[in-house]
Amino acid sequence: MGSPAVPEAISKGIPRATLTDWMGIGFVLVAWGIIGAILAGIGSLTLRWVVAYFTRGANNSRRGLLRAATLFPVVCLAWAGMVFVFQAVVNVVVLHRDIGLGDGFDCPLPNGYALSFIDVTDIGTLYNPKNQPVWSDVRENAVNDVRVMQLAGPYVLGGSDSKRLEHFGQDGSPVDSYFLLDTRTGKRTDFKTYEELRQAAQNLKVQPSLVPIDSLYSKYRFTWFDAFAGLLLIGPPLIGAALLTRRTVRLRRTRAETI
């Protein structure tokens, strides 16, 4: 009885911030974990062989170096996993954004509203996250199937595509309705044509300039924290690789001196 509700919810553009999303994320994590484990295993064997080749003939002090070379890819994989969990917790709990993985995307807007997407970011839902149940399928008073949008102070202008399923994957899909939302009161006015929207906006001294909704997602989804997480992800492994290389070179020079 419950399964037909999922496609019905998708057809209405309702975001599914539910257990289904987390199951999808879990599947992706398991897949990446398997791929990462395979690559780490190959990396361990390859790196150990390289270090052994360049330090062949050296004294027994290379035993610790070989052990470090073998473990290095595995440690890097574990580190990447910890950084991912850290950034996911901060993005979801503190910054109220998606974790960067899975089929659900979310980001807040500077006017107190938020954007939510499923699978793709070229069409989404505009909603007020206040008083929204965390695990609910429903976004109350939301504007669904939004393709183009503009933020203008307390106002949001946009256009929706009510036939989103028919236009899935198409470039330049048509917008068949428009809206003007006052975020201070939550009042929304719908329009059938762009000209009606333009006239209403000009009465508020706003010049319409609608842009694809995914450009707004890109602008407000990523913050300084994502750059910090990226540096945290690659910084320590690069330092470890440099130290491993330095120790290998030193041991090779020691071997050359003894020959």
C-alpha atoms as a PDB file:
ATOM      1  CA  MET A   1       0.000   0.000   0.000  1.00  0.00           C
ATOM      2  CA  GLY A   2       2.860   2.393   0.755  1.00  0.00           C
ATOM      3  CA  SER A   3       4.920   2.033  -2.415  1.00  0.00           C
ATOM      4  CA  PRO A   4       2.617   4.010  -4.798  1.00  0.00           C
ATOM      5  CA  ALA A   5       3.008   7.069  -2.556  1.00  0.00           C
ATOM      6  CA  VAL A   6       6.648   7.470  -3.539  1.00  0.00           C
ATOM      7  CA  PRO A   7       6.156   8.181  -7.254  1.00  0.00           C
ATOM      8  CA  GLU A   8       3.113  10.301  -6.364  1.00  0.00           C
ATOM      9  CA  ALA A   9       5.278  12.389  -4.024  1.00  0.00           C
ATOM     10  CA  ILE A  10       7.951  12.742  -6.696  1.00  0.00           C
ATOM     11  CA  SER A  11       5.396  13.836  -9.282  1.00  0.00           C
ATOM     12  CA  LYS A  12       4.278  16.600  -6.944  1.00  0.00           C
ATOM     13  CA  GLY A  13       7.835  17.753  -6.416  1.00  0.00           C
ATOM     14  CA  ILE A  14       7.710  16.969  -2.704  1.00  0.00           C
ATOM     15  CA  PRO A  15      11.180  16.516  -1.176  1.00  0.00           C
ATOM     16  CA  ARG A  16      11.707  13.174   0.561  1.00  0.00           C
ATOM     17  CA  ALA A  17      13.922  13.961   3.550  1.00  0.00           C
ATOM     18  CA  THR A  18      13.164  10.505   4.910  1.00  0.00           C
ATOM     19  CA  LEU A  19      14.609   7.104   5.631  1.00  0.00           C
ATOM     20  CA  THR A  20      14.549   6.414   1.876  1.00  0.00           C
ATOM     21  CA  ASP A  21      17.185   9.088   1.307  1.00  0.00           C
ATOM     22  CA  TRP A  22      19.410   7.710   4.039  1.00  0.00           C
ATOM     23  CA  MET A  23      19.084   4.204   2.603  1.00  0.00           C
ATOM     24  CA  GLY A  24      20.211   5.575  -0.759  1.00  0.00           C
ATOM     25  CA  ILE A  25      23.130   7.352   0.873  1.00  0.00           C
ATOM     26  CA  GLY A  26      24.023   4.161   2.738  1.00  0.00           C
ATOM     27  CA  PHE A  27      24.070   2.197  -0.507  1.00  0.00           C
ATOM     28  CA  VAL A  28      26.377   4.764  -2.120  1.00  0.00           C
ATOM     29  CA  LEU A  29      28.663   4.728   0.934  1.00  0.00           C
ATOM     30  CA  VAL A  30      28.892   0.937   0.856  1.00  0.00           C
ATOM     31  CA  ALA A  31      29.721   1.027  -2.858  1.00  0.00           C
ATOM     32  CA  TRP A  32      32.407   3.681  -2.372  1.00  0.00           C
ATOM     33  CA  GLY A  33      33.722   1.771   0.647  1.00  0.00           C
ATOM     34  CA  ILE A  34      34.190  -1.371  -1.442  1.00  0.00           C
ATOM     35  CA  ILE A  35      35.858   0.592  -4.247  1.00  0.00           C
ATOM     36  CA  GLY A  36      38.061   2.404  -1.728  1.00  0.00           C
ATOM     37  CA  ALA A  37      39.077  -0.854  -0.053  1.00  0.00           C
ATOM     38  CA  ILE A  38      40.056  -2.383  -3.398  1.00  0.00           C
ATOM     39  CA  LEU A  39      42.052   0.699  -4.397  1.00  0.00           C
ATOM     40  CA  ALA A  40      43.701   0.847  -0.971  1.00  0.00           C
ATOM     41  CA  GLY A  41      44.711  -2.813  -1.279  1.00  0.00           C
ATOM     42  CA  ILE A  42      46.193  -2.248  -4.725  1.00  0.00           C
ATOM     43  CA  GLY A  43      47.895   0.915  -3.483  1.00  0.00           C
ATOM     44  CA  SER A  44      49.412  -0.909  -0.512  1.00  0.00           C
ATOM     45  CA  LEU A  45      50.925  -3.635  -2.665  1.00  0.00           C
ATOM     46  CA  THR A  46      52.159  -1.163  -5.260  1.00  0.00           C
ATOM     47  CA  LEU A  47      53.652   1.291  -2.775  1.00  0.00           C
ATOM     48  CA  ARG A  48      55.368  -1.479  -0.824  1.00  0.00           C
ATOM     49  CA  TRP A  49      56.910  -2.808  -4.036  1.00  0.00           C
ATOM     50  CA  VAL A  50      58.115   0.657  -5.086  1.00  0.00           C
ATOM     51  CA  VAL A  51      59.698   1.380  -1.700  1.00  0.00           C
ATOM     52  CA  ALA A  52      61.257  -2.103  -1.589  1.00  0.00           C
ATOM     53  CA  TYR A  53      62.687  -1.641  -5.076  1.00  0.00           C
ATOM     54  CA  PHE A  54      64.290   1.724  -4.342  1.00  0.00           C
ATOM     55  CA  THR A  55      65.678   0.615  -0.972  1.00  0.00           C
ATOM     56  CA  ARG A  56      66.820  -2.881  -1.915  1.00  0.00           C
ATOM     57  CA  GLY A  57      70.132  -3.772  -0.353  1.00  0.00           C
ATOM     58  CA  ALA A  58      69.653  -1.371   2.562  1.00  0.00           C
ATOM     59  CA  ASN A  59      70.013  -2.501   6.146  1.00  0.00           C
ATOM     60  CA  ASN A  60      67.211  -3.779   8.359  1.00  0.00           C
ATOM     61  CA  SER A  61      66.006  -0.248   9.137  1.00  0.00           C
ATOM     62  CA  ARG A  62      63.875  -0.415   6.004  1.00  0.00           C
ATOM     63  CA  ARG A  63      61.554  -2.907   7.648  1.00  0.00           C
ATOM     64  CA  GLY A  64      59.679  -0.122   9.414  1.00  0.00           C
ATOM     65  CA  LEU A  65      59.564   1.890   6.189  1.00  0.00           C
ATOM     66  CA  LEU A  66      58.049  -1.027   4.293  1.00  0.00           C
ATOM     67  CA  ARG A  67      55.438  -1.419   7.000  1.00  0.00           C
ATOM     68  CA  ALA A  68      54.616   2.288   6.798  1.00  0.00           C
ATOM     69  CA  ALA A  69      54.342   2.130   2.997  1.00  0.00           C
ATOM     70  CA  THR A  70      51.994  -0.832   3.235  1.00  0.00           C
ATOM     71  CA  LEU A  71      49.702   0.834   5.759  1.00  0.00           C
ATOM     72  CA  PHE A  72      49.745   4.317   4.216  1.00  0.00           C
ATOM     73  CA  PRO A  73      46.925   3.798   1.633  1.00  0.00           C
ATOM     74  CA  VAL A  74      44.754   2.118   4.270  1.00  0.00           C
ATOM     75  CA  VAL A  75      45.303   4.992   6.709  1.00  0.00           C
ATOM     76  CA  CYS A  76      44.457   7.471   3.939  1.00  0.00           C
ATOM     77  CA  LEU A  77      41.186   5.628   3.269  1.00  0.00           C
ATOM     78  CA  ALA A  78      40.276   5.679   6.963  1.00  0.00           C
ATOM     79  CA  TRP A  79      41.157   9.380   7.153  1.00  0.00           C
ATOM     80  CA  ALA A  80      38.941  10.160   4.147  1.00  0.00           C
ATOM     81  CA  GLY A  81      36.073   8.335   5.835  1.00  0.00           C
ATOM     82  CA  MET A  82      36.484  10.322   9.048  1.00  0.00           C
ATOM     83  CA  VAL A  83      36.662  13.635   7.182  1.00  0.00           C
ATOM     84  CA  PHE A  84      33.521  12.745   5.229  1.00  0.00           C
ATOM     85  CA  VAL A  85      31.586  11.953   8.409  1.00  0.00           C
ATOM     86  CA  PHE A  86      32.840  15.166  10.028  1.00  0.00           C
ATOM     87  CA  GLN A  87      31.816  17.397   7.115  1.00  0.00           C
ATOM     88  CA  ALA A  88      28.476  15.588   6.792  1.00  0.00           C
ATOM     89  CA  VAL A  89      27.593  16.203  10.436  1.00  0.00           C
ATOM     90  CA  VAL A  90      28.583  19.869  10.271  1.00  0.00           C
ATOM     91  CA  ASN A  91      26.791  20.483   6.964  1.00  0.00           C
ATOM     92  CA  VAL A  92      23.562  18.784   8.033  1.00  0.00           C
ATOM     93  CA  VAL A  93      23.327  19.717  11.718  1.00  0.00           C
ATOM     94  CA  VAL A  94      24.987  23.132  11.801  1.00  0.00           C
ATOM     95  CA  LEU A  95      24.794  24.539   8.274  1.00  0.00           C
ATOM     96  CA  HIS A  96      21.546  22.796   7.216  1.00  0.00           C
ATOM     97  CA  ARG A  97      22.921  21.624   3.881  1.00  0.00           C
ATOM     98  CA  ASP A  98      23.108  18.284   2.141  1.00  0.00           C
ATOM     99  CA  ILE A  99      26.084  16.009   2.757  1.00  0.00           C
ATOM    100  CA  GLY A 100      27.272  16.097  -0.855  1.00  0.00           C
ATOM    101  CA  LEU A 101      26.273  12.501  -1.546  1.00  0.00           C
ATOM    102  CA  GLY A 102      23.085  10.685  -2.459  1.00  0.00           C
ATOM    103  CA  ASP A 103      19.996  11.767  -4.383  1.00  0.00           C
ATOM    104  CA  GLY A 104      18.826  14.582  -2.095  1.00  0.00           C
ATOM    105  CA  PHE A 105      20.153  18.146  -2.138  1.00  0.00           C
ATOM    106  CA  ASP A 106      19.320  20.975   0.266  1.00  0.00           C
ATOM    107  CA  CYS A 107      20.588  24.458   0.986  1.00  0.00           C
ATOM    108  CA  PRO A 108      19.268  27.478   2.891  1.00  0.00           C
ATOM    109  CA  LEU A 109      18.718  30.867   1.303  1.00  0.00           C
ATOM    110  CA  PRO A 110      19.598  34.203   2.937  1.00  0.00           C
ATOM    111  CA  ASN A 111      15.914  35.141   3.261  1.00  0.00           C
ATOM    112  CA  GLY A 112      15.073  32.294   5.663  1.00  0.00           C
ATOM    113  CA  TYR A 113      13.696  29.963   3.008  1.00  0.00           C
ATOM    114  CA  ALA A 114      15.467  26.913   1.575  1.00  0.00           C
ATOM    115  CA  LEU A 115      15.819  24.877  -1.598  1.00  0.00           C
ATOM    116  CA  SER A 116      15.372  21.143  -1.855  1.00  0.00           C
ATOM    117  CA  PHE A 117      16.059  18.843  -4.827  1.00  0.00           C
ATOM    118  CA  ILE A 118      15.742  15.178  -5.729  1.00  0.00           C
ATOM    119  CA  ASP A 119      18.226  13.543  -8.121  1.00  0.00           C
ATOM    120  CA  VAL A 120      18.868  16.717 -10.149  1.00  0.00           C
ATOM    121  CA  THR A 121      19.330  20.384  -9.278  1.00  0.00           C
ATOM    122  CA  ASP A 122      17.699  21.965 -12.327  1.00  0.00           C
ATOM    123  CA  ILE A 123      14.235  21.698 -10.787  1.00  0.00           C
ATOM    124  CA  GLY A 124      13.419  21.856  -7.089  1.00  0.00           C
ATOM    125  CA  THR A 125      11.237  23.001  -4.227  1.00  0.00           C
ATOM    126  CA  LEU A 126      11.233  26.332  -2.427  1.00  0.00           C
ATOM    127  CA  TYR A 127      10.003  26.093   1.152  1.00  0.00           C
ATOM    128  CA  ASN A 128      10.184  27.610   4.618  1.00  0.00           C
ATOM    129  CA  PRO A 129      12.127  25.212   6.882  1.00  0.00           C
ATOM    130  CA  LYS A 130      10.640  26.675  10.072  1.00  0.00           C
ATOM    131  CA  ASN A 131       8.390  24.249  11.920  1.00  0.00           C
ATOM    132  CA  GLN A 132       8.969  21.559   9.280  1.00  0.00           C
ATOM    133  CA  PRO A 133       9.179  18.006  10.707  1.00  0.00           C
ATOM    134  CA  VAL A 134      12.681  16.691  10.097  1.00  0.00           C
ATOM    135  CA  TRP A 135      11.564  13.295   8.758  1.00  0.00           C
ATOM    136  CA  SER A 136       8.391  14.452   6.989  1.00  0.00           C
ATOM    137  CA  ASP A 137       7.722  13.820   3.306  1.00  0.00           C
ATOM    138  CA  VAL A 138       5.696  17.026   3.117  1.00  0.00           C
ATOM    139  CA  ARG A 139       6.897  20.618   2.775  1.00  0.00           C
ATOM    140  CA  GLU A 140       3.982  22.803   3.838  1.00  0.00           C
ATOM    141  CA  ASN A 141       3.267  25.950   1.810  1.00  0.00           C
ATOM    142  CA  ALA A 142       6.055  25.001  -0.569  1.00  0.00           C
ATOM    143  CA  VAL A 143       6.471  26.000  -4.202  1.00  0.00           C
ATOM    144  CA  ASN A 144       7.176  22.841  -6.179  1.00  0.00           C
ATOM    145  CA  ASP A 145       8.717  22.202  -9.593  1.00  0.00           C
ATOM    146  CA  VAL A 146      10.635  25.494  -9.661  1.00  0.00           C
ATOM    147  CA  ARG A 147      13.024  25.902 -12.605  1.00  0.00           C
ATOM    148  CA  VAL A 148      13.927  29.602 -12.547  1.00  0.00           C
ATOM    149  CA  MET A 149      14.101  31.961  -9.607  1.00  0.00           C
ATOM    150  CA  GLN A 150      15.305  35.331  -8.360  1.00  0.00           C
ATOM    151  CA  LEU A 151      15.986  36.674  -4.875  1.00  0.00           C
ATOM    152  CA  ALA A 152      15.099  40.342  -4.489  1.00  0.00           C
ATOM    153  CA  GLY A 153      15.344  41.431  -0.853  1.00  0.00           C
ATOM    154  CA  PRO A 154      12.334  39.987   0.982  1.00  0.00           C
ATOM    155  CA  TYR A 155      10.776  38.827  -2.299  1.00  0.00           C
ATOM    156  CA  VAL A 156      11.278  35.660  -4.310  1.00  0.00           C
ATOM    157  CA  LEU A 157      10.277  35.574  -7.964  1.00  0.00           C
ATOM    158  CA  GLY A 158      10.174  32.331  -9.860  1.00  0.00           C
ATOM    159  CA  GLY A 159       8.761  30.101 -12.548  1.00  0.00           C
ATOM    160  CA  SER A 160       7.538  26.517 -12.297  1.00  0.00           C
ATOM    161  CA  ASP A 161       7.128  23.608 -14.678  1.00  0.00           C
ATOM    162  CA  SER A 162       4.013  21.604 -13.831  1.00  0.00           C
ATOM    163  CA  LYS A 163       4.938  18.963 -16.438  1.00  0.00           C
ATOM    164  CA  ARG A 164       8.353  18.223 -15.012  1.00  0.00           C
ATOM    165  CA  LEU A 165       8.123  14.462 -15.580  1.00  0.00           C
ATOM    166  CA  GLU A 166       7.419  14.936 -19.276  1.00  0.00           C
ATOM    167  CA  HIS A 167      10.369  17.316 -19.545  1.00  0.00           C
ATOM    168  CA  PHE A 168      12.805  15.240 -17.514  1.00  0.00           C
ATOM    169  CA  GLY A 169      16.316  15.442 -18.970  1.00  0.00           C
ATOM    170  CA  GLN A 170      15.379  18.054 -21.564  1.00  0.00           C
ATOM    171  CA  ASP A 171      17.308  21.283 -21.996  1.00  0.00           C
ATOM    172  CA  GLY A 172      15.338  24.493 -21.855  1.00  0.00           C
ATOM    173  CA  SER A 173      12.184  22.884 -20.485  1.00  0.00           C
ATOM    174  CA  PRO A 174       9.220  25.276 -20.571  1.00  0.00           C
ATOM    175  CA  VAL A 175       7.964  27.189 -17.543  1.00  0.00           C
ATOM    176  CA  ASP A 176       4.168  27.334 -17.504  1.00  0.00           C
ATOM    177  CA  SER A 177       3.471  29.385 -14.364  1.00  0.00           C
ATOM    178  CA  TYR A 178       5.100  32.084 -12.265  1.00  0.00           C
ATOM    179  CA  PHE A 179       4.953  33.231  -8.667  1.00  0.00           C
ATOM    180  CA  LEU A 180       5.930  36.080  -6.383  1.00  0.00           C
ATOM    181  CA  LEU A 181       6.533  35.285  -2.725  1.00  0.00           C
ATOM    182  CA  ASP A 182       6.873  37.696   0.197  1.00  0.00           C
ATOM    183  CA  THR A 183       9.117  35.857   2.668  1.00  0.00           C
ATOM    184  CA  ARG A 184       8.116  38.193   5.512  1.00  0.00           C
ATOM    185  CA  THR A 185       4.486  37.107   5.471  1.00  0.00           C
ATOM    186  CA  GLY A 186       4.653  33.875   3.475  1.00  0.00           C
ATOM    187  CA  LYS A 187       2.088  35.266   1.032  1.00  0.00           C
ATOM    188  CA  ARG A 188       2.428  33.915  -2.485  1.00  0.00           C
ATOM    189  CA  THR A 189       0.817  35.231  -5.632  1.00  0.00           C
ATOM    190  CA  ASP A 190       0.655  33.022  -8.729  1.00  0.00           C
ATOM    191  CA  PHE A 191       0.669  34.253 -12.320  1.00  0.00           C
ATOM    192  CA  LYS A 192      -0.054  32.537 -15.619  1.00  0.00           C
ATOM    193  CA  THR A 193       2.364  34.611 -17.705  1.00  0.00           C
ATOM    194  CA  TYR A 194       5.744  36.268 -17.303  1.00  0.00           C
ATOM    195  CA  GLU A 195       4.211  39.635 -18.207  1.00  0.00           C
ATOM    196  CA  GLU A 196       1.850  39.433 -15.227  1.00  0.00           C
ATOM    197  CA  LEU A 197       4.814  38.651 -12.973  1.00  0.00           C
ATOM    198  CA  ARG A 198       6.821  41.508 -14.447  1.00  0.00           C
ATOM    199  CA  GLN A 199       4.060  44.040 -13.825  1.00  0.00           C
ATOM    200  CA  ALA A 200       3.532  42.870 -10.240  1.00  0.00           C
ATOM    201  CA  ALA A 201       7.291  42.999  -9.571  1.00  0.00           C
ATOM    202  CA  GLN A 202       7.640  46.487 -11.011  1.00  0.00           C
ATOM    203  CA  ASN A 203       4.872  47.667  -8.689  1.00  0.00           C
ATOM    204  CA  LEU A 204       7.220  46.592  -5.890  1.00  0.00           C
ATOM    205  CA  LYS A 205      10.127  48.349  -7.639  1.00  0.00           C
ATOM    206  CA  VAL A 206      11.741  45.029  -8.508  1.00  0.00           C
ATOM    207  CA  GLN A 207      13.153  44.332 -11.963  1.00  0.00           C
ATOM    208  CA  PRO A 208      12.647  40.641 -12.835  1.00  0.00           C
ATOM    209  CA  SER A 209      15.839  38.769 -13.723  1.00  0.00           C
ATOM    210  CA  LEU A 210      15.121  35.069 -13.330  1.00  0.00           C
ATOM    211  CA  VAL A 211      18.030  32.620 -13.400  1.00  0.00           C
ATOM    212  CA  PRO A 212      18.153  28.786 -13.440  1.00  0.00           C
ATOM    213  CA  ILE A 213      17.559  27.466  -9.956  1.00  0.00           C
ATOM    214  CA  ASP A 214      20.720  25.330  -9.987  1.00  0.00           C
ATOM    215  CA  SER A 215      22.837  28.490 -10.148  1.00  0.00           C
ATOM    216  CA  LEU A 216      21.299  29.608  -6.860  1.00  0.00           C
ATOM    217  CA  TYR A 217      21.955  26.189  -5.375  1.00  0.00           C
ATOM    218  CA  SER A 218      25.620  26.394  -6.389  1.00  0.00           C
ATOM    219  CA  LYS A 219      25.888  29.887  -4.941  1.00  0.00           C
ATOM    220  CA  TYR A 220      24.409  29.141  -1.526  1.00  0.00           C
ATOM    221  CA  ARG A 221      25.218  25.457  -1.013  1.00  0.00           C
ATOM    222  CA  PHE A 222      28.993  25.786  -0.825  1.00  0.00           C
ATOM    223  CA  THR A 223      30.657  27.744   1.983  1.00  0.00           C
ATOM    224  CA  TRP A 224      34.102  28.321   3.452  1.00  0.00           C
ATOM    225  CA  PHE A 225      33.591  25.134   5.445  1.00  0.00           C
ATOM    226  CA  ASP A 226      33.608  23.000   2.290  1.00  0.00           C
ATOM    227  CA  ALA A 227      36.970  24.489   1.313  1.00  0.00           C
ATOM    228  CA  PHE A 228      38.240  23.760   4.830  1.00  0.00           C
ATOM    229  CA  ALA A 229      36.987  20.169   4.605  1.00  0.00           C
ATOM    230  CA  GLY A 230      38.764  19.788   1.256  1.00  0.00           C
ATOM    231  CA  LEU A 231      42.037  20.986   2.751  1.00  0.00           C
ATOM    232  CA  LEU A 232      41.503  18.698   5.722  1.00  0.00           C
ATOM    233  CA  LEU A 233      40.957  15.798   3.341  1.00  0.00           C
ATOM    234  CA  ILE A 234      44.118  16.216   1.256  1.00  0.00           C
ATOM    235  CA  GLY A 235      46.472  18.034   3.665  1.00  0.00           C
ATOM    236  CA  PRO A 236      47.532  15.267   6.075  1.00  0.00           C
ATOM    237  CA  PRO A 237      47.851  12.607   3.310  1.00  0.00           C
ATOM    238  CA  LEU A 238      50.096  14.938   1.310  1.00  0.00           C
ATOM    239  CA  ILE A 239      52.249  15.539   4.389  1.00  0.00           C
ATOM    240  CA  GLY A 240      52.395  11.786   5.013  1.00  0.00           C
ATOM    241  CA  ALA A 241      53.377  11.122   1.395  1.00  0.00           C
ATOM    242  CA  ALA A 242      56.126  13.742   1.627  1.00  0.00           C
ATOM    243  CA  LEU A 243      57.511  12.202   4.822  1.00  0.00           C
ATOM    244  CA  LEU A 244      57.372   8.718   3.320  1.00  0.00           C
ATOM    245  CA  THR A 245      59.184   9.903   0.205  1.00  0.00           C
ATOM    246  CA  ARG A 246      61.799  11.726   2.271  1.00  0.00           C
ATOM    247  CA  ARG A 247      62.505   8.654   4.374  1.00  0.00           C
ATOM    248  CA  THR A 248      62.746   6.467   1.260  1.00  0.00           C
ATOM    249  CA  VAL A 249      65.252   8.834  -0.355  1.00  0.00           C
ATOM    250  CA  ARG A 250      67.361   8.948   2.813  1.00  0.00           C
ATOM    251  CA  LEU A 251      67.409   5.174   3.098  1.00  0.00           C
ATOM    252  CA  ARG A 252      68.373   4.849  -0.547  1.00  0.00           C
ATOM    253  CA  ARG A 253      71.281   7.261   0.002  1.00  0.00           C
ATOM    254  CA  THR A 254      72.380   5.197   3.006  1.00  0.00           C
ATOM    255  CA  ARG A 255      72.353   2.096   0.820  1.00  0.00           C
ATOM    256  CA  ALA A 256      74.428   3.878  -1.841  1.00  0.00           C
ATOM    257  CA  GLU A 257      77.006   4.912   0.744  1.00  0.00           C
ATOM    258  CA  THR A 258      77.452   1.329   1.960  1.00  0.00           C
ATOM    259  CA  ILE A 259      77.995  -0.063  -1.513  1.00  0.00           C
END
